[in-house]
PDB file of N, CA and C in Angstrom:
ATOM      1  N   UNK A   1       5.459  21.609 -14.106  1.00  0.00           N
ATOM      2  CA  UNK A   1       4.023  21.579 -14.041  1.00  0.00           C
ATOM      3  C   UNK A   1       3.422  22.977 -14.033  1.00  0.00           C
ATOM      4  N   UNK A   2       4.274  23.976 -13.871  1.00  0.00           N
ATOM      5  CA  UNK A   2       3.785  25.354 -13.927  1.00  0.00           C
ATOM      6  C   UNK A   2       3.185  25.635 -15.287  1.00  0.00           C
ATOM      7  N   UNK A   3       3.797  25.089 -16.340  1.00  0.00           N
ATOM      8  CA  UNK A   3       3.289  25.325 -17.689  1.00  0.00           C
ATOM      9  C   UNK A   3       1.872  24.790 -17.823  1.00  0.00           C
ATOM     10  N   UNK A   4       1.617  23.596 -17.307  1.00  0.00           N
ATOM     11  CA  UNK A   4       0.276  23.006 -17.391  1.00  0.00           C
ATOM     12  C   UNK A   4      -0.743  23.883 -16.685  1.00  0.00           C
ATOM     13  N   UNK A   5      -0.377  24.396 -15.513  1.00  0.00           N
ATOM     14  CA  UNK A   5      -1.295  25.275 -14.775  1.00  0.00           C
ATOM     15  C   UNK A   5      -1.613  26.530 -15.587  1.00  0.00           C
ATOM     16  N   UNK A   6      -0.609  27.085 -16.235  1.00  0.00           N
ATOM     17  CA  UNK A   6      -0.826  28.282 -17.041  1.00  0.00           C
ATOM     18  C   UNK A   6      -1.688  27.976 -18.260  1.00  0.00           C
ATOM     19  N   UNK A   7      -1.423  26.820 -18.917  1.00  0.00           N
ATOM     20  CA  UNK A   7      -2.235  26.450 -20.080  1.00  0.00           C
ATOM     21  C   UNK A   7      -3.688  26.223 -19.682  1.00  0.00           C
ATOM     22  N   UNK A   8      -3.911  25.650 -18.484  1.00  0.00           N
ATOM     23  CA  UNK A   8      -5.273  25.437 -18.004  1.00  0.00           C
ATOM     24  C   UNK A   8      -6.002  26.756 -17.781  1.00  0.00           C
ATOM     25  N   UNK A   9      -5.247  27.821 -17.511  1.00  0.00           N
ATOM     26  CA  UNK A   9      -5.828  29.149 -17.336  1.00  0.00           C
ATOM     27  C   UNK A   9      -5.972  29.876 -18.666  1.00  0.00           C
ATOM     28  N   UNK A  10      -5.778  29.157 -19.763  1.00  0.00           N
ATOM     29  CA  UNK A  10      -5.915  29.697 -21.129  1.00  0.00           C
ATOM     30  C   UNK A  10      -4.867  30.752 -21.456  1.00  0.00           C
ATOM     31  N   UNK A  11      -3.697  30.652 -20.829  1.00  0.00           N
ATOM     32  CA  UNK A  11      -2.607  31.581 -21.118  1.00  0.00           C
ATOM     33  C   UNK A  11      -1.843  31.058 -22.326  1.00  0.00           C
ATOM     34  N   UNK A  12      -1.558  31.936 -23.254  1.00  0.00           N
ATOM     35  CA  UNK A  12      -0.935  31.553 -24.521  1.00  0.00           C
ATOM     36  C   UNK A  12       0.528  31.147 -24.328  1.00  0.00           C
ATOM     37  N   UNK A  13       1.020  30.262 -25.214  1.00  0.00           N
ATOM     38  CA  UNK A  13       2.416  29.816 -25.124  1.00  0.00           C
ATOM     39  C   UNK A  13       3.440  30.957 -25.141  1.00  0.00           C
ATOM     40  N   UNK A  14       3.146  32.045 -25.833  1.00  0.00           N
ATOM     41  CA  UNK A  14       4.093  33.161 -25.847  1.00  0.00           C
ATOM     42  C   UNK A  14       4.278  33.749 -24.454  1.00  0.00           C
ATOM     43  N   UNK A  15       3.177  33.868 -23.714  1.00  0.00           N
ATOM     44  CA  UNK A  15       3.234  34.402 -22.359  1.00  0.00           C
ATOM     45  C   UNK A  15       3.882  33.388 -21.419  1.00  0.00           C
ATOM     46  N   UNK A  16       3.581  32.100 -21.610  1.00  0.00           N
ATOM     47  CA  UNK A  16       4.178  31.044 -20.796  1.00  0.00           C
ATOM     48  C   UNK A  16       5.699  31.055 -20.980  1.00  0.00           C
ATOM     49  N   UNK A  17       6.141  31.188 -22.213  1.00  0.00           N
ATOM     50  CA  UNK A  17       7.582  31.227 -22.497  1.00  0.00           C
ATOM     51  C   UNK A  17       8.241  32.380 -21.763  1.00  0.00           C
ATOM     52  N   UNK A  18       7.624  33.529 -21.789  1.00  0.00           N
ATOM     53  CA  UNK A  18       8.179  34.711 -21.124  1.00  0.00           C
ATOM     54  C   UNK A  18       8.196  34.529 -19.605  1.00  0.00           C
ATOM     55  N   UNK A  19       7.093  34.042 -19.049  1.00  0.00           N
ATOM     56  CA  UNK A  19       6.999  33.885 -17.591  1.00  0.00           C
ATOM     57  C   UNK A  19       7.964  32.832 -17.051  1.00  0.00           C
ATOM     58  N   UNK A  20       8.133  31.740 -17.800  1.00  0.00           N
ATOM     59  CA  UNK A  20       8.988  30.647 -17.330  1.00  0.00           C
ATOM     60  C   UNK A  20      10.414  30.748 -17.859  1.00  0.00           C
ATOM     61  N   UNK A  21      10.662  31.806 -18.616  1.00  0.00           N
ATOM     62  CA  UNK A  21      12.000  32.059 -19.176  1.00  0.00           C
ATOM     63  C   UNK A  21      12.532  30.873 -19.975  1.00  0.00           C
ATOM     64  N   UNK A  22      11.704  30.424 -20.911  1.00  0.00           N
ATOM     65  CA  UNK A  22      12.101  29.358 -21.828  1.00  0.00           C
ATOM     66  C   UNK A  22      11.911  29.864 -23.246  1.00  0.00           C
ATOM     67  N   UNK A  23      12.405  29.094 -24.200  1.00  0.00           N
ATOM     68  CA  UNK A  23      12.255  29.500 -25.595  1.00  0.00           C
ATOM     69  C   UNK A  23      10.802  29.341 -26.037  1.00  0.00           C
ATOM     70  N   UNK A  24      10.453  30.078 -27.054  1.00  0.00           N
ATOM     71  CA  UNK A  24       9.107  29.992 -27.620  1.00  0.00           C
ATOM     72  C   UNK A  24       8.861  28.583 -28.161  1.00  0.00           C
ATOM     73  N   UNK A  25       9.907  27.997 -28.739  1.00  0.00           N
ATOM     74  CA  UNK A  25       9.797  26.636 -29.284  1.00  0.00           C
ATOM     75  C   UNK A  25       9.423  25.648 -28.186  1.00  0.00           C
ATOM     76  N   UNK A  26      10.090  25.733 -27.039  1.00  0.00           N
ATOM     77  CA  UNK A  26       9.786  24.828 -25.933  1.00  0.00           C
ATOM     78  C   UNK A  26       8.354  25.011 -25.447  1.00  0.00           C
ATOM     79  N   UNK A  27       7.934  26.254 -25.283  1.00  0.00           N
ATOM     80  CA  UNK A  27       6.578  26.520 -24.804  1.00  0.00           C
ATOM     81  C   UNK A  27       5.536  25.979 -25.782  1.00  0.00           C
ATOM     82  N   UNK A  28       5.793  26.114 -27.069  1.00  0.00           N
ATOM     83  CA  UNK A  28       4.847  25.591 -28.071  1.00  0.00           C
ATOM     84  C   UNK A  28       4.812  24.063 -28.053  1.00  0.00           C
ATOM     85  N   UNK A  29       5.984  23.444 -27.876  1.00  0.00           N
ATOM     86  CA  UNK A  29       6.020  21.979 -27.779  1.00  0.00           C
ATOM     87  C   UNK A  29       5.273  21.508 -26.541  1.00  0.00           C
ATOM     88  N   UNK A  30       5.477  22.191 -25.414  1.00  0.00           N
ATOM     89  CA  UNK A  30       4.767  21.831 -24.191  1.00  0.00           C
ATOM     90  C   UNK A  30       3.262  21.983 -24.364  1.00  0.00           C
ATOM     91  N   UNK A  31       2.868  23.063 -25.038  1.00  0.00           N
ATOM     92  CA  UNK A  31       1.438  23.308 -25.247  1.00  0.00           C
ATOM     93  C   UNK A  31       0.816  22.194 -26.084  1.00  0.00           C
ATOM     94  N   UNK A  32       1.511  21.780 -27.118  1.00  0.00           N
ATOM     95  CA  UNK A  32       1.022  20.695 -27.979  1.00  0.00           C
ATOM     96  C   UNK A  32       0.913  19.397 -27.171  1.00  0.00           C
ATOM     97  N   UNK A  33       1.949  19.085 -26.385  1.00  0.00           N
ATOM     98  CA  UNK A  33       1.910  17.883 -25.552  1.00  0.00           C
ATOM     99  C   UNK A  33       0.759  17.955 -24.562  1.00  0.00           C
ATOM    100  N   UNK A  34       0.568  19.117 -23.949  1.00  0.00           N
ATOM    101  CA  UNK A  34      -0.490  19.294 -22.966  1.00  0.00           C
ATOM    102  C   UNK A  34      -1.864  19.117 -23.615  1.00  0.00           C
ATOM    103  N   UNK A  35      -2.051  19.701 -24.812  1.00  0.00           N
ATOM    104  CA  UNK A  35      -3.334  19.554 -25.518  1.00  0.00           C
ATOM    105  C   UNK A  35      -3.612  18.101 -25.853  1.00  0.00           C
ATOM    106  N   UNK A  36      -2.574  17.363 -26.266  1.00  0.00           N
ATOM    107  CA  UNK A  36      -2.765  15.979 -26.696  1.00  0.00           C
ATOM    108  C   UNK A  36      -2.893  14.996 -25.540  1.00  0.00           C
ATOM    109  N   UNK A  37      -2.181  15.261 -24.423  1.00  0.00           N
ATOM    110  CA  UNK A  37      -2.153  14.260 -23.365  1.00  0.00           C
ATOM    111  C   UNK A  37      -2.356  14.770 -21.963  1.00  0.00           C
ATOM    112  N   UNK A  38      -2.645  16.044 -21.817  1.00  0.00           N
ATOM    113  CA  UNK A  38      -2.880  16.591 -20.485  1.00  0.00           C
ATOM    114  C   UNK A  38      -1.604  16.743 -19.673  1.00  0.00           C
ATOM    115  N   UNK A  39      -1.786  16.882 -18.369  1.00  0.00           N
ATOM    116  CA  UNK A  39      -0.668  17.118 -17.463  1.00  0.00           C
ATOM    117  C   UNK A  39       0.314  15.953 -17.502  1.00  0.00           C
ATOM    118  N   UNK A  40      -0.175  14.729 -17.616  1.00  0.00           N
ATOM    119  CA  UNK A  40       0.706  13.563 -17.627  1.00  0.00           C
ATOM    120  C   UNK A  40       1.684  13.600 -18.784  1.00  0.00           C
ATOM    121  N   UNK A  41       1.310  14.204 -19.898  1.00  0.00           N
ATOM    122  CA  UNK A  41       2.187  14.282 -21.064  1.00  0.00           C
ATOM    123  C   UNK A  41       3.382  15.197 -20.808  1.00  0.00           C
ATOM    124  N   UNK A  42       3.263  16.092 -19.824  1.00  0.00           N
ATOM    125  CA  UNK A  42       4.359  17.004 -19.500  1.00  0.00           C
ATOM    126  C   UNK A  42       5.266  16.472 -18.396  1.00  0.00           C
ATOM    127  N   UNK A  43       4.942  15.319 -17.840  1.00  0.00           N
ATOM    128  CA  UNK A  43       5.769  14.739 -16.781  1.00  0.00           C
ATOM    129  C   UNK A  43       7.131  14.366 -17.343  1.00  0.00           C
ATOM    130  N   UNK A  44       8.157  14.530 -16.542  1.00  0.00           N
ATOM    131  CA  UNK A  44       9.521  14.223 -16.964  1.00  0.00           C
ATOM    132  C   UNK A  44       9.673  12.737 -17.249  1.00  0.00           C
ATOM    133  N   UNK A  45      10.404  12.436 -18.301  1.00  0.00           N
ATOM    134  CA  UNK A  45      10.698  11.051 -18.654  1.00  0.00           C
ATOM    135  C   UNK A  45      12.145  10.704 -18.341  1.00  0.00           C
ATOM    136  N   UNK A  46      12.769  11.510 -17.492  1.00  0.00           N
ATOM    137  CA  UNK A  46      14.155  11.261 -17.132  1.00  0.00           C
ATOM    138  C   UNK A  46      15.110  11.976 -18.066  1.00  0.00           C
ATOM    139  N   UNK A  47      16.404  11.749 -17.877  1.00  0.00           N
ATOM    140  CA  UNK A  47      17.394  12.435 -18.708  1.00  0.00           C
ATOM    141  C   UNK A  47      17.286  11.998 -20.170  1.00  0.00           C
ATOM    142  N   UNK A  48      17.535  12.941 -21.051  1.00  0.00           N
ATOM    143  CA  UNK A  48      17.487  12.618 -22.475  1.00  0.00           C
ATOM    144  C   UNK A  48      18.880  12.225 -22.946  1.00  0.00           C
ATOM    145  N   UNK A  49      18.966  11.776 -24.166  1.00  0.00           N
ATOM    146  CA  UNK A  49      20.262  11.401 -24.731  1.00  0.00           C
ATOM    147  C   UNK A  49      20.547   9.927 -24.546  1.00  0.00           C
ATOM    148  N   UNK A  50      21.657   9.517 -25.085  1.00  0.00           N
ATOM    149  CA  UNK A  50      22.024   8.106 -25.013  1.00  0.00           C
ATOM    150  C   UNK A  50      22.648   7.786 -23.665  1.00  0.00           C
ATOM    151  N   UNK A  51      22.627   6.513 -23.313  1.00  0.00           N
ATOM    152  CA  UNK A  51      23.214   6.096 -22.044  1.00  0.00           C
ATOM    153  C   UNK A  51      24.732   6.103 -22.149  1.00  0.00           C
ATOM    154  N   UNK A  52      25.375   6.171 -21.027  1.00  0.00           N
ATOM    155  CA  UNK A  52      26.830   6.193 -20.971  1.00  0.00           C
ATOM    156  C   UNK A  52      27.368   4.846 -21.451  1.00  0.00           C
ATOM    157  N   UNK A  53      28.368   4.884 -22.312  1.00  0.00           N
ATOM    158  CA  UNK A  53      28.937   3.649 -22.849  1.00  0.00           C
ATOM    159  C   UNK A  53      30.216   3.229 -22.133  1.00  0.00           C
ATOM    160  N   UNK A  54      30.651   3.987 -21.152  1.00  0.00           N
ATOM    161  CA  UNK A  54      31.854   3.637 -20.424  1.00  0.00           C
ATOM    162  C   UNK A  54      31.577   2.490 -19.454  1.00  0.00           C
ATOM    163  N   UNK A  55      32.534   1.601 -19.330  1.00  0.00           N
ATOM    164  CA  UNK A  55      32.403   0.501 -18.377  1.00  0.00           C
ATOM    165  C   UNK A  55      32.561   1.064 -16.967  1.00  0.00           C
ATOM    166  N   UNK A  56      32.104   0.318 -15.960  1.00  0.00           N
ATOM    167  CA  UNK A  56      32.294   0.775 -14.579  1.00  0.00           C
ATOM    168  C   UNK A  56      33.761   1.033 -14.252  1.00  0.00           C
ATOM    169  N   UNK A  57      34.661   0.226 -14.777  1.00  0.00           N
ATOM    170  CA  UNK A  57      36.089   0.410 -14.536  1.00  0.00           C
ATOM    171  C   UNK A  57      36.559   1.748 -15.117  1.00  0.00           C
ATOM    172  N   UNK A  58      36.150   2.042 -16.331  1.00  0.00           N
ATOM    173  CA  UNK A  58      36.528   3.314 -16.965  1.00  0.00           C
ATOM    174  C   UNK A  58      35.940   4.505 -16.217  1.00  0.00           C
ATOM    175  N   UNK A  59      34.719   4.365 -15.726  1.00  0.00           N
ATOM    176  CA  UNK A  59      34.099   5.447 -14.961  1.00  0.00           C
ATOM    177  C   UNK A  59      34.872   5.715 -13.676  1.00  0.00           C
ATOM    178  N   UNK A  60      35.352   4.645 -13.013  1.00  0.00           N
ATOM    179  CA  UNK A  60      36.152   4.813 -11.801  1.00  0.00           C
ATOM    180  C   UNK A  60      37.456   5.536 -12.111  1.00  0.00           C
ATOM    181  N   UNK A  61      38.110   5.149 -13.204  1.00  0.00           N
ATOM    182  CA  UNK A  61      39.364   5.795 -13.597  1.00  0.00           C
ATOM    183  C   UNK A  61      39.141   7.270 -13.918  1.00  0.00           C
ATOM    184  N   UNK A  62      38.051   7.564 -14.618  1.00  0.00           N
ATOM    185  CA  UNK A  62      37.730   8.950 -14.956  1.00  0.00           C
ATOM    186  C   UNK A  62      37.473   9.767 -13.691  1.00  0.00           C
ATOM    187  N   UNK A  63      36.711   9.220 -12.758  1.00  0.00           N
ATOM    188  CA  UNK A  63      36.424   9.931 -11.515  1.00  0.00           C
ATOM    189  C   UNK A  63      37.714  10.218 -10.742  1.00  0.00           C
ATOM    190  N   UNK A  64      38.608   9.229 -10.694  1.00  0.00           N
ATOM    191  CA  UNK A  64      39.878   9.423  -9.993  1.00  0.00           C
ATOM    192  C   UNK A  64      40.707  10.507 -10.675  1.00  0.00           C
ATOM    193  N   UNK A  65      40.742  10.490 -11.996  1.00  0.00           N
ATOM    194  CA  UNK A  65      41.493  11.499 -12.743  1.00  0.00           C
ATOM    195  C   UNK A  65      40.931  12.890 -12.480  1.00  0.00           C
ATOM    196  N   UNK A  66      39.623  13.017 -12.518  1.00  0.00           N
ATOM    197  CA  UNK A  66      39.001  14.325 -12.301  1.00  0.00           C
ATOM    198  C   UNK A  66      39.230  14.819 -10.882  1.00  0.00           C
ATOM    199  N   UNK A  67      39.218  13.921  -9.909  1.00  0.00           N
ATOM    200  CA  UNK A  67      39.506  14.323  -8.527  1.00  0.00           C
ATOM    201  C   UNK A  67      40.921  14.873  -8.404  1.00  0.00           C
ATOM    202  N   UNK A  68      41.876  14.255  -9.088  1.00  0.00           N
ATOM    203  CA  UNK A  68      43.261  14.716  -9.047  1.00  0.00           C
ATOM    204  C   UNK A  68      43.440  16.032  -9.790  1.00  0.00           C
ATOM    205  N   UNK A  69      42.668  16.233 -10.841  1.00  0.00           N
ATOM    206  CA  UNK A  69      42.824  17.412 -11.691  1.00  0.00           C
ATOM    207  C   UNK A  69      42.150  18.651 -11.112  1.00  0.00           C
ATOM    208  N   UNK A  70      41.279  18.482 -10.105  1.00  0.00           N
ATOM    209  CA  UNK A  70      40.566  19.626  -9.530  1.00  0.00           C
ATOM    210  C   UNK A  70      41.520  20.552  -8.801  1.00  0.00           C
ATOM    211  N   UNK A  71      41.264  21.850  -8.877  1.00  0.00           N
ATOM    212  CA  UNK A  71      42.064  22.790  -8.093  1.00  0.00           C
ATOM    213  C   UNK A  71      41.774  22.606  -6.611  1.00  0.00           C
ATOM    214  N   UNK A  72      42.721  22.921  -5.746  1.00  0.00           N
ATOM    215  CA  UNK A  72      42.449  22.803  -4.308  1.00  0.00           C
ATOM    216  C   UNK A  72      41.319  23.737  -3.882  1.00  0.00           C
ATOM    217  N   UNK A  73      40.652  23.402  -2.797  1.00  0.00           N
ATOM    218  CA  UNK A  73      39.489  24.190  -2.368  1.00  0.00           C
ATOM    219  C   UNK A  73      39.867  25.593  -1.920  1.00  0.00           C
ATOM    220  N   UNK A  74      41.113  25.799  -1.477  1.00  0.00           N
ATOM    221  CA  UNK A  74      41.506  27.124  -0.996  1.00  0.00           C
ATOM    222  C   UNK A  74      41.800  28.082  -2.145  1.00  0.00           C
ATOM    223  N   UNK A  75      41.955  27.576  -3.321  1.00  0.00           N
ATOM    224  CA  UNK A  75      42.271  28.411  -4.469  1.00  0.00           C
ATOM    225  C   UNK A  75      43.188  27.676  -5.422  1.00  0.00           C
ATOM    226  N   UNK A  76      43.575  28.321  -6.490  1.00  0.00           N
ATOM    227  CA  UNK A  76      44.473  27.694  -7.454  1.00  0.00           C
ATOM    228  C   UNK A  76      45.423  28.731  -8.016  1.00  0.00           C
ATOM    229  N   UNK A  77      46.532  28.259  -8.493  1.00  0.00           N
ATOM    230  CA  UNK A  77      47.558  29.155  -9.016  1.00  0.00           C
ATOM    231  C   UNK A  77      47.198  29.638 -10.409  1.00  0.00           C
ATOM    232  N   UNK A  78      47.392  30.917 -10.617  1.00  0.00           N
ATOM    233  CA  UNK A  78      47.277  31.500 -11.952  1.00  0.00           C
ATOM    234  C   UNK A  78      48.597  32.186 -12.244  1.00  0.00           C
ATOM    235  N   UNK A  79      48.726  32.718 -13.422  1.00  0.00           N
ATOM    236  CA  UNK A  79      49.953  33.419 -13.743  1.00  0.00           C
ATOM    237  C   UNK A  79      50.169  34.635 -12.857  1.00  0.00           C
ATOM    238  N   UNK A  80      49.085  35.184 -12.355  1.00  0.00           N
ATOM    239  CA  UNK A  80      49.168  36.395 -11.535  1.00  0.00           C
ATOM    240  C   UNK A  80      49.207  36.100 -10.038  1.00  0.00           C
ATOM    241  N   UNK A  81      49.130  34.865  -9.647  1.00  0.00           N
ATOM    242  CA  UNK A  81      49.169  34.533  -8.225  1.00  0.00           C
ATOM    243  C   UNK A  81      48.056  33.583  -7.841  1.00  0.00           C
ATOM    244  N   UNK A  82      47.721  33.541  -6.578  1.00  0.00           N
ATOM    245  CA  UNK A  82      46.710  32.623  -6.058  1.00  0.00           C
ATOM    246  C   UNK A  82      45.331  33.241  -6.186  1.00  0.00           C
ATOM    247  N   UNK A  83      44.428  32.498  -6.749  1.00  0.00           N
ATOM    248  CA  UNK A  83      43.052  32.956  -6.887  1.00  0.00           C
ATOM    249  C   UNK A  83      42.179  32.163  -5.934  1.00  0.00           C
ATOM    250  N   UNK A  84      41.376  32.845  -5.204  1.00  0.00           N
ATOM    251  CA  UNK A  84      40.474  32.183  -4.270  1.00  0.00           C
ATOM    252  C   UNK A  84      39.251  31.687  -4.999  1.00  0.00           C
ATOM    253  N   UNK A  85      38.769  30.506  -4.666  1.00  0.00           N
ATOM    254  CA  UNK A  85      37.623  29.913  -5.343  1.00  0.00           C
ATOM    255  C   UNK A  85      36.404  29.953  -4.572  1.00  0.00           C
TER     256      UNK A  85
END
């Protein structure tokens, strides 16, 4: 919502991009959305992309595998010895 506040102050998308550390393309898209629909148009619509296609069973198996594959919290072995994490 910082972008909307800046646009309301008549600050140009180039300056908004620099201040918010985003690409110029994103700032211009936000500006267009803001002009067309106001602050509500900039509200998050949730995560983008397609939904996960894995079944709950597969997700459980993946989580278990990843838990086993994680390095221990105290560190992990490298060719040069133990590295602290």
